[in-house]
Every structure is written in structure tokens, then in C-alpha cells.
Amino acid sequence: MATANRKLCAQRSVLVVNIMSSPGAGKTTILEKTILELKPRMTMAVIEGDLYTDWDARRIESTGVPVYQINTRGGCHLDARMVRDAFERLKLREIDTLFIENVGNLVCPAEFDLGEDFRVVVCTTTEGNDKPWKYPLMFQQARAILLNKMDLLSQTDFNVREFEKALSSINSEAKIFFVSGRTGQGIDEWCRWLEEEVHKKKIACS
């Protein structure tokens, strides 16, 4: 099913980004900022994964992009069939990028291919800088890492150098962005990189 999802999105020249993190890392806030930054230049849609509630989906909906809510009813991750069902409700031909905001969890989501082009992990300065060592599979498979809440760095004992060292030992190819969903720090750099990835996808699929 994941292979079929990937093939369909390639046919539509849609870049699919699977965003994952632990609960409370700021995925939704980052996504809001990203959409508002890119909206003048790109068409987007979002699949929102949550155990219960549609609170995050309503936040994203306020940005004006199409949103499809998936409630797993206690399940700790999304799977490819859930995503395929969402495709039926989204007009893939009309968008450049599809964001999938996965369930907040650093374990189970890493084990399930949804048919995405790549994965992005959001982690924060309020978590331990040893996260890559503790959850290696999640970080091994990431194309990009967004280290969020940089505005709080001085209030924590988070060691950026140790975090980079841990990540490099697991995935030296991952791109790191230092961001703040609250202040907007680093969002422009992240969005420029994302635009380049969208451009690459369109060339590859043309």
C-alpha cells in the first residue's frame, strides 16, 4: 500500500512529507508557520493524525489549506491504508506538497512506511539531547531534523553540540534546522530547503 501511495503521488508530482515527533514538540505550530510562509508560492494540504480530537486539524484549517483528520482511536501511529483513504478526500492534482502530521510518538511511527518521499523529525531543546541515541530508528530514517524551541535554549541544559554528535553517529546525512515555532526563528531557511525539494520532485516526475 505504501508503494502504491508513493506511485500515485509521483504521478501527481506531489511531494509527501511525513512529520514526526514526541508529544508536545511543536509539530502543529511549525506546520502553521511553514504553511503561512509558503502559501503565497505553493499549494499544500495536510493529513492530521491524532489519537482523539480534531484540535490540531482545526488549527491548520485556519490557515486556509485543505485538511483531512485521521483519528486512530488509541493507535500509536498512522499506516499506509489510512493515508490512502485520505487521498480519496484530497485533490492531489491541485497541490504541490502534502504534509502528514503523524501521531506524537518517537517509537511506532518510525516502523511504518506511509508512502512518503521523506521523513522530518521535530525535537526540542526542552527534551534531552540524547534523543537520537535513545530512538535511533526514528532519526536514522529522517531526511531533516527540526530542533525546535531554540528561544528556550538558555533556560535549559540542552547541549546542542552533544545533540549534533549523537545525530551524526546515527545519520550524518540529515539536514538540521534550528527553529522556533513561537518566534519564527529559522522557519525561512527550512522553507527554502523545502521549496527546493518540491522543485526536485517536479523535475523527477516530469
N, C-alpha and C. Protein backbone atom coordinates (compact mmCIF):
# COMPACT_ATOMS: atom_id res chain seq x y z
N MET A 1 0.82 -1.20 0.00
CA MET A 1 0.00 0.00 0.00
C MET A 1 0.87 1.27 0.00
N ALA A 2 1.93 1.24 0.76
CA ALA A 2 2.84 2.39 0.78
C ALA A 2 3.45 2.62 -0.60
N THR A 3 3.81 1.53 -1.28
CA THR A 3 4.37 1.65 -2.63
C THR A 3 3.34 2.24 -3.58
N ALA A 4 2.10 1.82 -3.45
CA ALA A 4 1.03 2.36 -4.29
C ALA A 4 0.80 3.84 -4.00
N ASN A 5 0.86 4.21 -2.73
CA ASN A 5 0.71 5.63 -2.36
C ASN A 5 1.81 6.46 -2.99
N ARG A 6 3.03 5.96 -2.90
CA ARG A 6 4.18 6.69 -3.45
C ARG A 6 4.06 6.84 -4.97
N LYS A 7 3.62 5.80 -5.61
CA LYS A 7 3.46 5.84 -7.07
C LYS A 7 2.39 6.85 -7.47
N LEU A 8 1.27 6.85 -6.76
CA LEU A 8 0.19 7.78 -7.07
C LEU A 8 0.66 9.22 -6.92
N CYS A 9 1.36 9.51 -5.84
CA CYS A 9 1.82 10.89 -5.62
C CYS A 9 2.88 11.30 -6.63
N ALA A 10 3.68 10.35 -7.07
CA ALA A 10 4.65 10.64 -8.13
C ALA A 10 3.94 10.99 -9.43
N GLN A 11 2.87 10.26 -9.72
CA GLN A 11 2.09 10.56 -10.92
C GLN A 11 1.48 11.96 -10.87
N ARG A 12 1.17 12.42 -9.66
CA ARG A 12 0.59 13.75 -9.48
C ARG A 12 1.65 14.82 -9.19
N SER A 13 2.93 14.40 -9.15
CA SER A 13 4.06 15.31 -8.84
C SER A 13 3.87 16.00 -7.50
N VAL A 14 3.38 15.25 -6.52
CA VAL A 14 3.15 15.78 -5.17
C VAL A 14 4.25 15.30 -4.23
N LEU A 15 4.91 16.22 -3.56
CA LEU A 15 5.89 15.87 -2.54
C LEU A 15 5.16 15.55 -1.24
N VAL A 16 5.46 14.39 -0.66
CA VAL A 16 4.79 13.96 0.57
C VAL A 16 5.82 13.93 1.71
N VAL A 17 5.54 14.67 2.77
CA VAL A 17 6.46 14.81 3.90
C VAL A 17 5.78 14.28 5.16
N ASN A 18 6.39 13.28 5.78
CA ASN A 18 5.89 12.66 7.00
C ASN A 18 6.59 13.33 8.18
N ILE A 19 5.84 14.09 8.98
CA ILE A 19 6.41 14.84 10.11
C ILE A 19 6.12 14.09 11.41
N MET A 20 7.18 13.81 12.15
CA MET A 20 7.05 13.01 13.37
C MET A 20 7.78 13.68 14.53
N SER A 21 7.33 13.36 15.75
CA SER A 21 7.97 13.90 16.95
C SER A 21 7.35 13.24 18.17
N SER A 22 7.90 13.55 19.32
CA SER A 22 7.24 13.18 20.57
C SER A 22 6.09 14.14 20.83
N PRO A 23 5.15 13.82 21.71
CA PRO A 23 4.05 14.74 22.00
C PRO A 23 4.56 16.07 22.54
N GLY A 24 3.99 17.16 22.06
CA GLY A 24 4.33 18.47 22.58
C GLY A 24 5.59 19.09 22.02
N ALA A 25 6.17 18.47 21.00
CA ALA A 25 7.41 19.02 20.43
C ALA A 25 7.16 20.25 19.57
N GLY A 26 5.91 20.43 19.13
CA GLY A 26 5.59 21.63 18.36
C GLY A 26 5.37 21.39 16.88
N LYS A 27 4.99 20.17 16.50
CA LYS A 27 4.75 19.87 15.08
C LYS A 27 3.71 20.79 14.48
N THR A 28 2.59 20.94 15.16
CA THR A 28 1.49 21.73 14.61
C THR A 28 1.87 23.20 14.47
N THR A 29 2.55 23.74 15.46
CA THR A 29 2.97 25.14 15.39
C THR A 29 3.96 25.35 14.25
N ILE A 30 4.91 24.43 14.10
CA ILE A 30 5.87 24.51 12.99
C ILE A 30 5.13 24.43 11.66
N LEU A 31 4.16 23.54 11.59
CA LEU A 31 3.39 23.37 10.37
C LEU A 31 2.60 24.63 10.03
N GLU A 32 2.01 25.24 11.02
CA GLU A 32 1.30 26.50 10.80
C GLU A 32 2.22 27.56 10.22
N LYS A 33 3.38 27.73 10.83
CA LYS A 33 4.34 28.72 10.37
C LYS A 33 4.83 28.41 8.95
N THR A 34 5.05 27.13 8.69
CA THR A 34 5.51 26.70 7.37
C THR A 34 4.48 27.01 6.29
N ILE A 35 3.24 26.67 6.57
CA ILE A 35 2.16 26.92 5.61
C ILE A 35 2.01 28.40 5.31
N LEU A 36 2.03 29.22 6.34
CA LEU A 36 1.86 30.66 6.14
C LEU A 36 3.02 31.26 5.35
N GLU A 37 4.22 30.71 5.56
CA GLU A 37 5.40 31.20 4.82
C GLU A 37 5.33 30.80 3.36
N LEU A 38 4.89 29.57 3.09
CA LEU A 38 4.93 29.04 1.72
C LEU A 38 3.65 29.26 0.92
N LYS A 39 2.58 29.61 1.58
CA LYS A 39 1.28 29.71 0.92
C LYS A 39 1.27 30.64 -0.30
N PRO A 40 1.99 31.76 -0.29
CA PRO A 40 1.99 32.61 -1.49
C PRO A 40 2.66 31.96 -2.71
N ARG A 41 3.46 30.90 -2.48
CA ARG A 41 4.25 30.32 -3.57
C ARG A 41 3.96 28.85 -3.83
N MET A 42 3.11 28.23 -3.00
CA MET A 42 2.94 26.79 -3.08
C MET A 42 1.53 26.40 -2.64
N THR A 43 1.00 25.35 -3.25
CA THR A 43 -0.29 24.82 -2.81
C THR A 43 -0.06 23.57 -1.98
N MET A 44 -0.75 23.48 -0.85
CA MET A 44 -0.48 22.43 0.12
C MET A 44 -1.78 21.82 0.66
N ALA A 45 -1.63 20.64 1.26
CA ALA A 45 -2.71 20.01 2.01
C ALA A 45 -2.07 19.26 3.17
N VAL A 46 -2.88 18.93 4.17
CA VAL A 46 -2.36 18.30 5.38
C VAL A 46 -3.25 17.13 5.79
N ILE A 47 -2.62 16.03 6.15
CA ILE A 47 -3.30 14.92 6.82
C ILE A 47 -2.89 14.99 8.29
N GLU A 48 -3.87 15.11 9.17
CA GLU A 48 -3.62 15.24 10.60
C GLU A 48 -3.91 13.91 11.30
N GLY A 49 -2.89 13.37 11.96
CA GLY A 49 -3.07 12.14 12.71
C GLY A 49 -3.07 12.39 14.20
N ASP A 50 -4.12 11.95 14.88
CA ASP A 50 -4.23 12.08 16.33
C ASP A 50 -4.98 10.88 16.88
N LEU A 51 -4.72 10.58 18.15
CA LEU A 51 -5.49 9.51 18.77
C LEU A 51 -6.97 9.90 18.84
N TYR A 52 -7.22 11.09 19.37
CA TYR A 52 -8.57 11.61 19.50
C TYR A 52 -8.54 13.12 19.23
N THR A 53 -9.69 13.73 19.08
CA THR A 53 -9.90 15.17 18.88
C THR A 53 -9.46 15.63 17.48
N ASP A 54 -9.97 16.79 17.11
CA ASP A 54 -9.57 17.42 15.85
C ASP A 54 -9.00 18.82 16.11
N TRP A 55 -8.45 19.03 17.28
CA TRP A 55 -7.96 20.36 17.65
C TRP A 55 -6.85 20.83 16.72
N ASP A 56 -5.88 19.96 16.46
CA ASP A 56 -4.77 20.35 15.58
C ASP A 56 -5.26 20.58 14.15
N ALA A 57 -6.20 19.76 13.70
CA ALA A 57 -6.75 19.93 12.35
C ALA A 57 -7.45 21.28 12.22
N ARG A 58 -8.14 21.68 13.25
CA ARG A 58 -8.83 22.97 13.20
C ARG A 58 -7.83 24.13 13.16
N ARG A 59 -6.72 23.97 13.87
CA ARG A 59 -5.68 24.99 13.81
C ARG A 59 -5.12 25.12 12.40
N ILE A 60 -4.84 23.99 11.77
CA ILE A 60 -4.30 24.00 10.42
C ILE A 60 -5.34 24.53 9.43
N GLU A 61 -6.59 24.15 9.64
CA GLU A 61 -7.66 24.60 8.75
C GLU A 61 -7.76 26.12 8.72
N SER A 62 -7.42 26.77 9.84
CA SER A 62 -7.50 28.23 9.91
C SER A 62 -6.48 28.91 8.99
N THR A 63 -5.48 28.16 8.53
CA THR A 63 -4.50 28.72 7.60
C THR A 63 -5.04 28.74 6.17
N GLY A 64 -6.16 28.04 5.94
CA GLY A 64 -6.78 28.06 4.62
C GLY A 64 -6.40 26.92 3.70
N VAL A 65 -5.67 25.92 4.21
CA VAL A 65 -5.31 24.78 3.36
C VAL A 65 -6.23 23.60 3.66
N PRO A 66 -6.44 22.70 2.70
CA PRO A 66 -7.28 21.52 2.94
C PRO A 66 -6.66 20.61 3.99
N VAL A 67 -7.50 20.09 4.88
CA VAL A 67 -7.04 19.21 5.96
C VAL A 67 -7.94 17.98 6.02
N TYR A 68 -7.32 16.83 6.22
CA TYR A 68 -8.09 15.61 6.44
C TYR A 68 -7.67 15.02 7.78
N GLN A 69 -8.63 14.80 8.66
CA GLN A 69 -8.36 14.29 10.01
C GLN A 69 -8.43 12.78 10.05
N ILE A 70 -7.41 12.16 10.66
CA ILE A 70 -7.43 10.73 10.95
C ILE A 70 -7.32 10.56 12.46
N ASN A 71 -8.32 9.95 13.08
CA ASN A 71 -8.26 9.61 14.50
C ASN A 71 -8.02 8.11 14.62
N THR A 72 -6.94 7.74 15.28
CA THR A 72 -6.57 6.33 15.38
C THR A 72 -7.28 5.61 16.52
N ARG A 73 -8.01 6.36 17.36
CA ARG A 73 -8.76 5.77 18.48
C ARG A 73 -7.87 4.94 19.39
N GLY A 74 -6.72 5.48 19.73
CA GLY A 74 -5.80 4.80 20.62
C GLY A 74 -4.58 4.21 19.93
N GLY A 75 -4.63 4.09 18.60
CA GLY A 75 -3.48 3.58 17.86
C GLY A 75 -2.33 4.57 17.91
N CYS A 76 -1.10 4.05 17.98
CA CYS A 76 0.06 4.91 18.23
C CYS A 76 0.74 5.42 16.96
N HIS A 77 0.14 5.17 15.80
CA HIS A 77 0.78 5.58 14.55
C HIS A 77 -0.24 5.58 13.42
N LEU A 78 0.09 6.24 12.33
CA LEU A 78 -0.67 6.12 11.09
C LEU A 78 -0.10 4.97 10.27
N ASP A 79 -0.91 4.44 9.35
CA ASP A 79 -0.39 3.44 8.42
C ASP A 79 -0.78 3.81 7.00
N ALA A 80 -0.24 3.08 6.04
CA ALA A 80 -0.40 3.44 4.63
C ALA A 80 -1.86 3.38 4.18
N ARG A 81 -2.65 2.46 4.72
CA ARG A 81 -4.05 2.36 4.32
C ARG A 81 -4.84 3.58 4.79
N MET A 82 -4.56 4.05 6.00
CA MET A 82 -5.22 5.26 6.49
C MET A 82 -4.92 6.44 5.57
N VAL A 83 -3.66 6.54 5.16
CA VAL A 83 -3.26 7.64 4.28
C VAL A 83 -3.93 7.51 2.92
N ARG A 84 -4.03 6.28 2.41
CA ARG A 84 -4.68 6.07 1.11
C ARG A 84 -6.15 6.49 1.17
N ASP A 85 -6.81 6.19 2.28
CA ASP A 85 -8.20 6.62 2.44
C ASP A 85 -8.31 8.14 2.41
N ALA A 86 -7.33 8.81 2.98
CA ALA A 86 -7.33 10.27 2.98
C ALA A 86 -7.17 10.82 1.57
N PHE A 87 -6.42 10.10 0.73
CA PHE A 87 -6.22 10.55 -0.66
C PHE A 87 -7.56 10.70 -1.38
N GLU A 88 -8.52 9.87 -1.00
CA GLU A 88 -9.82 9.91 -1.66
C GLU A 88 -10.53 11.24 -1.43
N ARG A 89 -10.17 11.93 -0.35
CA ARG A 89 -10.82 13.19 0.02
C ARG A 89 -10.01 14.43 -0.39
N LEU A 90 -8.76 14.22 -0.76
CA LEU A 90 -7.89 15.34 -1.11
C LEU A 90 -7.67 15.40 -2.62
N LYS A 91 -7.64 16.59 -3.16
CA LYS A 91 -7.44 16.78 -4.60
C LYS A 91 -5.95 16.87 -4.89
N LEU A 92 -5.33 15.70 -5.04
CA LEU A 92 -3.88 15.65 -5.18
C LEU A 92 -3.38 16.40 -6.42
N ARG A 93 -4.17 16.44 -7.46
CA ARG A 93 -3.74 17.13 -8.68
C ARG A 93 -3.61 18.64 -8.48
N GLU A 94 -4.20 19.14 -7.41
CA GLU A 94 -4.22 20.58 -7.21
C GLU A 94 -3.21 21.08 -6.19
N ILE A 95 -2.34 20.18 -5.69
CA ILE A 95 -1.39 20.60 -4.67
C ILE A 95 0.05 20.26 -5.07
N ASP A 96 0.99 20.98 -4.46
CA ASP A 96 2.41 20.71 -4.66
C ASP A 96 2.97 19.80 -3.56
N THR A 97 2.46 20.00 -2.34
CA THR A 97 3.02 19.32 -1.18
C THR A 97 1.92 18.82 -0.26
N LEU A 98 2.10 17.59 0.22
CA LEU A 98 1.20 17.02 1.21
C LEU A 98 1.99 16.75 2.48
N PHE A 99 1.60 17.40 3.56
CA PHE A 99 2.21 17.15 4.86
C PHE A 99 1.37 16.13 5.61
N ILE A 100 2.03 15.15 6.20
CA ILE A 100 1.36 14.20 7.08
C ILE A 100 1.89 14.44 8.49
N GLU A 101 1.04 14.95 9.37
CA GLU A 101 1.45 15.12 10.76
C GLU A 101 1.08 13.85 11.51
N ASN A 102 2.09 13.06 11.79
CA ASN A 102 1.87 11.75 12.40
C ASN A 102 1.52 11.88 13.88
N VAL A 103 1.10 10.78 14.46
CA VAL A 103 0.79 10.74 15.89
C VAL A 103 2.07 11.01 16.68
N GLY A 104 1.96 11.79 17.77
CA GLY A 104 3.12 12.11 18.59
C GLY A 104 3.67 10.89 19.30
N ASN A 105 4.83 10.42 18.82
CA ASN A 105 5.39 9.17 19.32
C ASN A 105 6.74 8.97 18.62
N LEU A 106 7.79 8.69 19.36
CA LEU A 106 9.10 8.50 18.74
C LEU A 106 9.44 7.04 18.48
N VAL A 107 8.47 6.14 18.69
CA VAL A 107 8.75 4.71 18.51
C VAL A 107 7.97 4.15 17.31
N CYS A 108 6.68 3.92 17.48
CA CYS A 108 5.89 3.21 16.47
C CYS A 108 5.86 3.86 15.09
N PRO A 109 5.67 5.18 14.96
CA PRO A 109 5.59 5.77 13.61
C PRO A 109 6.82 5.50 12.75
N ALA A 110 7.98 5.32 13.37
CA ALA A 110 9.20 5.08 12.61
C ALA A 110 9.17 3.74 11.88
N GLU A 111 8.32 2.82 12.31
CA GLU A 111 8.29 1.47 11.75
C GLU A 111 7.34 1.32 10.57
N PHE A 112 6.60 2.39 10.23
CA PHE A 112 5.56 2.26 9.22
C PHE A 112 5.78 3.22 8.05
N ASP A 113 6.00 2.65 6.88
CA ASP A 113 6.12 3.42 5.65
C ASP A 113 4.72 3.83 5.20
N LEU A 114 4.49 5.12 5.01
CA LEU A 114 3.18 5.61 4.59
C LEU A 114 3.12 5.88 3.10
N GLY A 115 4.29 5.82 2.45
CA GLY A 115 4.37 6.19 1.04
C GLY A 115 4.91 7.59 0.86
N GLU A 116 5.53 8.12 1.91
CA GLU A 116 6.08 9.48 1.87
C GLU A 116 7.36 9.53 1.04
N ASP A 117 7.72 10.75 0.62
CA ASP A 117 9.01 10.94 -0.03
C ASP A 117 10.14 10.95 1.00
N PHE A 118 9.91 11.59 2.12
CA PHE A 118 10.89 11.57 3.19
C PHE A 118 10.24 11.94 4.52
N ARG A 119 11.02 11.74 5.58
CA ARG A 119 10.54 11.98 6.93
C ARG A 119 11.29 13.16 7.55
N VAL A 120 10.57 13.90 8.37
CA VAL A 120 11.14 15.01 9.13
C VAL A 120 10.82 14.77 10.59
N VAL A 121 11.83 14.91 11.44
CA VAL A 121 11.64 14.74 12.87
C VAL A 121 11.78 16.10 13.56
N VAL A 122 10.78 16.44 14.37
CA VAL A 122 10.83 17.65 15.18
C VAL A 122 11.20 17.24 16.60
N CYS A 123 12.27 17.81 17.13
CA CYS A 123 12.60 17.60 18.53
C CYS A 123 12.89 18.96 19.14
N THR A 124 13.07 19.01 20.45
CA THR A 124 13.11 20.31 21.11
C THR A 124 14.24 20.42 22.13
N THR A 125 14.56 21.67 22.44
CA THR A 125 15.58 21.94 23.45
C THR A 125 15.08 21.64 24.86
N THR A 126 13.80 21.38 25.00
CA THR A 126 13.25 21.03 26.32
C THR A 126 13.25 19.52 26.54
N GLU A 127 13.71 18.77 25.52
CA GLU A 127 13.90 17.34 25.66
C GLU A 127 15.40 17.08 25.85
N GLY A 128 15.77 15.86 26.11
CA GLY A 128 17.18 15.54 26.27
C GLY A 128 17.92 15.57 24.94
N ASN A 129 19.20 15.96 24.98
CA ASN A 129 19.98 15.98 23.74
C ASN A 129 20.43 14.57 23.32
N ASP A 130 20.03 13.56 24.10
CA ASP A 130 20.38 12.17 23.78
C ASP A 130 19.29 11.44 22.99
N LYS A 131 18.27 12.17 22.53
CA LYS A 131 17.16 11.54 21.83
C LYS A 131 17.61 10.67 20.63
N PRO A 132 18.56 11.12 19.81
CA PRO A 132 18.97 10.26 18.68
C PRO A 132 19.50 8.90 19.12
N TRP A 133 20.21 8.85 20.24
CA TRP A 133 20.72 7.59 20.74
C TRP A 133 19.60 6.72 21.33
N LYS A 134 18.64 7.36 21.95
CA LYS A 134 17.55 6.61 22.58
C LYS A 134 16.53 6.08 21.57
N TYR A 135 16.35 6.81 20.48
CA TYR A 135 15.36 6.43 19.46
C TYR A 135 16.02 6.40 18.09
N PRO A 136 17.00 5.51 17.89
CA PRO A 136 17.81 5.55 16.67
C PRO A 136 17.04 5.36 15.37
N LEU A 137 16.05 4.47 15.35
CA LEU A 137 15.33 4.22 14.10
C LEU A 137 14.64 5.49 13.60
N MET A 138 14.04 6.24 14.50
CA MET A 138 13.36 7.48 14.12
C MET A 138 14.33 8.44 13.43
N PHE A 139 15.52 8.56 13.97
CA PHE A 139 16.49 9.52 13.45
C PHE A 139 17.27 8.98 12.26
N GLN A 140 17.45 7.67 12.20
CA GLN A 140 18.15 7.06 11.06
C GLN A 140 17.42 7.33 9.75
N GLN A 141 16.11 7.36 9.80
CA GLN A 141 15.30 7.45 8.59
C GLN A 141 14.91 8.87 8.22
N ALA A 142 15.35 9.85 8.99
CA ALA A 142 14.94 11.24 8.75
C ALA A 142 15.81 11.91 7.69
N ARG A 143 15.18 12.65 6.81
CA ARG A 143 15.90 13.49 5.85
C ARG A 143 16.29 14.81 6.50
N ALA A 144 15.43 15.30 7.40
CA ALA A 144 15.69 16.58 8.07
C ALA A 144 15.28 16.50 9.53
N ILE A 145 15.99 17.24 10.36
CA ILE A 145 15.68 17.36 11.78
C ILE A 145 15.42 18.83 12.08
N LEU A 146 14.29 19.12 12.69
CA LEU A 146 14.00 20.48 13.14
C LEU A 146 14.15 20.53 14.65
N LEU A 147 15.19 21.21 15.12
CA LEU A 147 15.38 21.38 16.55
C LEU A 147 14.60 22.62 16.96
N ASN A 148 13.46 22.39 17.58
CA ASN A 148 12.51 23.46 17.89
C ASN A 148 12.75 24.03 19.30
N LYS A 149 12.08 25.15 19.54
CA LYS A 149 12.14 25.86 20.83
C LYS A 149 13.54 26.38 21.15
N MET A 150 14.22 26.85 20.09
CA MET A 150 15.54 27.44 20.29
C MET A 150 15.47 28.69 21.15
N ASP A 151 14.30 29.32 21.18
CA ASP A 151 14.14 30.50 22.04
C ASP A 151 14.23 30.16 23.52
N LEU A 152 14.10 28.88 23.86
CA LEU A 152 14.17 28.45 25.26
C LEU A 152 15.53 27.84 25.62
N LEU A 153 16.44 27.82 24.67
CA LEU A 153 17.71 27.12 24.88
C LEU A 153 18.43 27.58 26.14
N SER A 154 18.45 28.87 26.38
CA SER A 154 19.18 29.41 27.53
C SER A 154 18.54 29.03 28.87
N GLN A 155 17.30 28.56 28.81
CA GLN A 155 16.59 28.17 30.03
C GLN A 155 16.70 26.67 30.32
N THR A 156 17.44 25.97 29.49
CA THR A 156 17.56 24.51 29.64
C THR A 156 19.03 24.13 29.74
N ASP A 157 19.27 22.84 29.97
CA ASP A 157 20.64 22.34 29.96
C ASP A 157 20.91 21.54 28.69
N PHE A 158 20.11 21.78 27.65
CA PHE A 158 20.27 21.10 26.37
C PHE A 158 21.62 21.46 25.77
N ASN A 159 22.38 20.44 25.34
CA ASN A 159 23.69 20.64 24.75
C ASN A 159 23.61 20.41 23.24
N VAL A 160 23.64 21.49 22.48
CA VAL A 160 23.48 21.40 21.03
C VAL A 160 24.61 20.58 20.42
N ARG A 161 25.82 20.78 20.90
CA ARG A 161 26.96 20.04 20.34
C ARG A 161 26.80 18.54 20.56
N GLU A 162 26.35 18.14 21.74
CA GLU A 162 26.13 16.72 22.02
C GLU A 162 25.01 16.16 21.16
N PHE A 163 23.98 16.96 20.93
CA PHE A 163 22.88 16.53 20.06
C PHE A 163 23.39 16.29 18.65
N GLU A 164 24.17 17.23 18.13
CA GLU A 164 24.71 17.08 16.78
C GLU A 164 25.64 15.87 16.70
N LYS A 165 26.40 15.63 17.75
CA LYS A 165 27.28 14.48 17.78
C LYS A 165 26.48 13.18 17.75
N ALA A 166 25.42 13.13 18.55
CA ALA A 166 24.57 11.94 18.59
C ALA A 166 23.92 11.69 17.23
N LEU A 167 23.41 12.75 16.62
CA LEU A 167 22.76 12.61 15.33
C LEU A 167 23.75 12.18 14.26
N SER A 168 24.95 12.76 14.28
CA SER A 168 25.96 12.42 13.28
C SER A 168 26.35 10.96 13.35
N SER A 169 26.35 10.40 14.55
CA SER A 169 26.73 8.99 14.70
C SER A 169 25.67 8.04 14.16
N ILE A 170 24.45 8.55 14.01
CA ILE A 170 23.33 7.72 13.56
C ILE A 170 22.93 8.03 12.13
N ASN A 171 22.96 9.31 11.77
CA ASN A 171 22.53 9.74 10.44
C ASN A 171 23.26 11.03 10.07
N SER A 172 24.43 10.86 9.49
CA SER A 172 25.27 12.02 9.17
C SER A 172 24.74 12.81 7.98
N GLU A 173 23.77 12.26 7.25
CA GLU A 173 23.24 12.93 6.07
C GLU A 173 22.05 13.85 6.37
N ALA A 174 21.48 13.73 7.55
CA ALA A 174 20.29 14.51 7.88
C ALA A 174 20.62 16.00 7.98
N LYS A 175 19.75 16.81 7.41
CA LYS A 175 19.89 18.26 7.48
C LYS A 175 19.26 18.75 8.78
N ILE A 176 19.97 19.60 9.53
CA ILE A 176 19.46 20.13 10.79
C ILE A 176 19.06 21.58 10.63
N PHE A 177 17.86 21.91 11.11
CA PHE A 177 17.39 23.29 11.12
C PHE A 177 17.12 23.68 12.58
N PHE A 178 17.65 24.82 12.97
CA PHE A 178 17.45 25.32 14.33
C PHE A 178 16.32 26.34 14.29
N VAL A 179 15.18 26.00 14.88
CA VAL A 179 13.97 26.79 14.68
C VAL A 179 13.27 27.10 15.99
N SER A 180 12.34 28.03 15.89
CA SER A 180 11.42 28.31 17.00
C SER A 180 10.04 28.54 16.40
N GLY A 181 9.11 27.65 16.72
CA GLY A 181 7.75 27.82 16.25
C GLY A 181 7.10 29.05 16.85
N ARG A 182 7.55 29.45 18.02
CA ARG A 182 6.95 30.61 18.68
C ARG A 182 7.42 31.92 18.08
N THR A 183 8.72 32.05 17.84
CA THR A 183 9.26 33.32 17.33
C THR A 183 9.43 33.34 15.82
N GLY A 184 9.43 32.16 15.19
CA GLY A 184 9.65 32.10 13.75
C GLY A 184 11.11 31.95 13.36
N GLN A 185 12.00 31.87 14.32
CA GLN A 185 13.42 31.70 14.03
C GLN A 185 13.66 30.47 13.16
N GLY A 186 14.42 30.63 12.09
CA GLY A 186 14.83 29.51 11.27
C GLY A 186 13.78 28.97 10.32
N ILE A 187 12.55 29.44 10.40
CA ILE A 187 11.48 28.92 9.54
C ILE A 187 11.74 29.25 8.07
N ASP A 188 12.30 30.44 7.80
CA ASP A 188 12.56 30.82 6.41
C ASP A 188 13.59 29.88 5.77
N GLU A 189 14.63 29.52 6.51
CA GLU A 189 15.65 28.62 5.97
C GLU A 189 15.05 27.23 5.69
N TRP A 190 14.27 26.73 6.64
CA TRP A 190 13.59 25.44 6.47
C TRP A 190 12.68 25.47 5.24
N CYS A 191 11.95 26.56 5.06
CA CYS A 191 11.02 26.66 3.94
C CYS A 191 11.74 26.75 2.60
N ARG A 192 12.87 27.43 2.57
CA ARG A 192 13.65 27.49 1.32
C ARG A 192 14.13 26.10 0.92
N TRP A 193 14.59 25.34 1.91
CA TRP A 193 15.03 23.97 1.64
C TRP A 193 13.86 23.13 1.14
N LEU A 194 12.70 23.29 1.75
CA LEU A 194 11.53 22.52 1.36
C LEU A 194 11.10 22.86 -0.07
N GLU A 195 11.16 24.13 -0.42
CA GLU A 195 10.84 24.53 -1.79
C GLU A 195 11.77 23.86 -2.79
N GLU A 196 13.03 23.75 -2.45
CA GLU A 196 13.98 23.08 -3.32
C GLU A 196 13.61 21.61 -3.51
N GLU A 197 13.14 20.98 -2.42
CA GLU A 197 12.74 19.58 -2.51
C GLU A 197 11.50 19.41 -3.40
N VAL A 198 10.58 20.35 -3.31
CA VAL A 198 9.40 20.32 -4.17
C VAL A 198 9.81 20.46 -5.62
N HIS A 199 10.73 21.36 -5.89
CA HIS A 199 11.22 21.58 -7.26
C HIS A 199 11.88 20.30 -7.79
N LYS A 200 12.70 19.65 -6.96
CA LYS A 200 13.37 18.42 -7.37
C LYS A 200 12.35 17.33 -7.71
N LYS A 201 11.28 17.25 -6.90
CA LYS A 201 10.25 16.24 -7.13
C LYS A 201 9.56 16.46 -8.47
N LYS A 202 9.25 17.71 -8.77
CA LYS A 202 8.56 18.02 -10.03
C LYS A 202 9.45 17.68 -11.24
N ILE A 203 10.73 17.96 -11.12
CA ILE A 203 11.65 17.63 -12.21
C ILE A 203 11.74 16.12 -12.38
N ALA A 204 11.85 15.40 -11.27
CA ALA A 204 11.97 13.96 -11.31
C ALA A 204 10.73 13.28 -11.90
N CYS A 205 9.58 13.91 -11.69
CA CYS A 205 8.32 13.31 -12.14
C CYS A 205 7.86 13.82 -13.51
N SER A 206 8.58 14.76 -14.06
CA SER A 206 8.15 15.33 -15.36
C SER A 206 8.55 14.45 -16.53
